[in-house]
Amino acid sequence: MDRQNNENKLKEGEDFYYSPEGYKVFTEKFHLKRGYCCKNGCRHCPYGFSLTDPEGRKKKR
């Protein structure tokens, strides 16, 4: 009963990687698989959210 479903397990290198400082960094693929923006300013946010922009959107380059 305590077994985690293999579908829900995170795969290192695919869903996340570790930064040089040792933090777990989620990839764009993980965020898309999750299906929504958490509005935390994630490094690889595919939804365009940014904590530094007052409107919460990354500026187009």
C-alpha atoms as a PDB file:
ATOM      1  CA  MET A   1       0.000   0.000   0.000  1.00  0.00           C
ATOM      2  CA  ASP A   2       2.925   2.374   0.572  1.00  0.00           C
ATOM      3  CA  ARG A   3       4.375   1.765  -2.883  1.00  0.00           C
ATOM      4  CA  GLN A   4       4.624   4.810  -5.079  1.00  0.00           C
ATOM      5  CA  ASN A   5       3.216   4.395  -8.555  1.00  0.00           C
ATOM      6  CA  ASN A   6       6.086   4.223 -11.096  1.00  0.00           C
ATOM      7  CA  GLU A   7       4.276   6.796 -13.270  1.00  0.00           C
ATOM      8  CA  ASN A   8       4.564   9.427 -10.536  1.00  0.00           C
ATOM      9  CA  LYS A   9       8.262   8.973  -9.774  1.00  0.00           C
ATOM     10  CA  LEU A  10      10.541  11.800 -10.808  1.00  0.00           C
ATOM     11  CA  LYS A  11      13.418  10.907 -13.126  1.00  0.00           C
ATOM     12  CA  GLU A  12      16.711  12.706 -12.595  1.00  0.00           C
ATOM     13  CA  GLY A  13      17.921  14.329 -15.809  1.00  0.00           C
ATOM     14  CA  GLU A  14      14.425  14.283 -17.288  1.00  0.00           C
ATOM     15  CA  ASP A  15      12.177  15.869 -14.653  1.00  0.00           C
ATOM     16  CA  PHE A  16      14.868  17.576 -12.579  1.00  0.00           C
ATOM     17  CA  TYR A  17      18.586  18.051 -12.053  1.00  0.00           C
ATOM     18  CA  TYR A  18      20.743  19.293  -9.192  1.00  0.00           C
ATOM     19  CA  SER A  19      22.306  22.751  -9.377  1.00  0.00           C
ATOM     20  CA  PRO A  20      25.980  23.200  -8.434  1.00  0.00           C
ATOM     21  CA  GLU A  21      24.703  24.497  -5.066  1.00  0.00           C
ATOM     22  CA  GLY A  22      22.788  21.258  -4.495  1.00  0.00           C
ATOM     23  CA  TYR A  23      19.248  22.489  -5.157  1.00  0.00           C
ATOM     24  CA  LYS A  24      16.752  20.373  -7.098  1.00  0.00           C
ATOM     25  CA  VAL A  25      15.787  22.270 -10.278  1.00  0.00           C
ATOM     26  CA  PHE A  26      12.683  21.168 -12.171  1.00  0.00           C
ATOM     27  CA  THR A  27      12.865  21.054 -15.961  1.00  0.00           C
ATOM     28  CA  GLU A  28      10.431  22.518 -18.472  1.00  0.00           C
ATOM     29  CA  LYS A  29       9.278  18.967 -19.233  1.00  0.00           C
ATOM     30  CA  PHE A  30       8.316  18.444 -15.574  1.00  0.00           C
ATOM     31  CA  HIS A  31       6.352  21.714 -15.475  1.00  0.00           C
ATOM     32  CA  LEU A  32       4.460  20.820 -18.647  1.00  0.00           C
ATOM     33  CA  LYS A  33       3.724  17.344 -17.282  1.00  0.00           C
ATOM     34  CA  ARG A  34       2.376  18.925 -14.068  1.00  0.00           C
ATOM     35  CA  GLY A  35       0.083  21.085 -16.188  1.00  0.00           C
ATOM     36  CA  TYR A  36      -0.032  24.435 -14.374  1.00  0.00           C
ATOM     37  CA  CYS A  37       2.120  27.316 -13.152  1.00  0.00           C
ATOM     38  CA  CYS A  38       2.909  27.435  -9.415  1.00  0.00           C
ATOM     39  CA  LYS A  39       3.887  31.150  -9.662  1.00  0.00           C
ATOM     40  CA  ASN A  40       7.152  30.616  -7.755  1.00  0.00           C
ATOM     41  CA  GLY A  41       9.396  32.012 -10.506  1.00  0.00           C
ATOM     42  CA  CYS A  42      10.892  28.657 -11.501  1.00  0.00           C
ATOM     43  CA  ARG A  43      14.049  28.746 -13.628  1.00  0.00           C
ATOM     44  CA  HIS A  44      12.515  26.709 -16.487  1.00  0.00           C
ATOM     45  CA  CYS A  45       8.912  27.949 -16.322  1.00  0.00           C
ATOM     46  CA  PRO A  46       7.242  27.242 -19.698  1.00  0.00           C
ATOM     47  CA  TYR A  47       4.268  29.449 -18.728  1.00  0.00           C
ATOM     48  CA  GLY A  48       6.255  32.695 -18.788  1.00  0.00           C
ATOM     49  CA  PHE A  49       5.874  33.617 -15.111  1.00  0.00           C
ATOM     50  CA  SER A  50       8.553  35.860 -13.595  1.00  0.00           C
ATOM     51  CA  LEU A  51       8.870  37.221 -10.054  1.00  0.00           C
ATOM     52  CA  THR A  52      10.915  40.215 -11.259  1.00  0.00           C
ATOM     53  CA  ASP A  53       8.266  41.575 -13.646  1.00  0.00           C
ATOM     54  CA  PRO A  54       5.453  43.452 -11.823  1.00  0.00           C
ATOM     55  CA  GLU A  55       2.872  41.837 -14.110  1.00  0.00           C
ATOM     56  CA  GLY A  56       4.276  38.346 -13.511  1.00  0.00           C
ATOM     57  CA  ARG A  57       5.268  37.746 -17.126  1.00  0.00           C
ATOM     58  CA  LYS A  58       8.717  37.382 -18.628  1.00  0.00           C
ATOM     59  CA  LYS A  59       9.548  40.075 -21.125  1.00  0.00           C
ATOM     60  CA  LYS A  60       9.772  39.008 -24.762  1.00  0.00           C
ATOM     61  CA  ARG A  61      13.300  39.376 -26.120  1.00  0.00           C
END
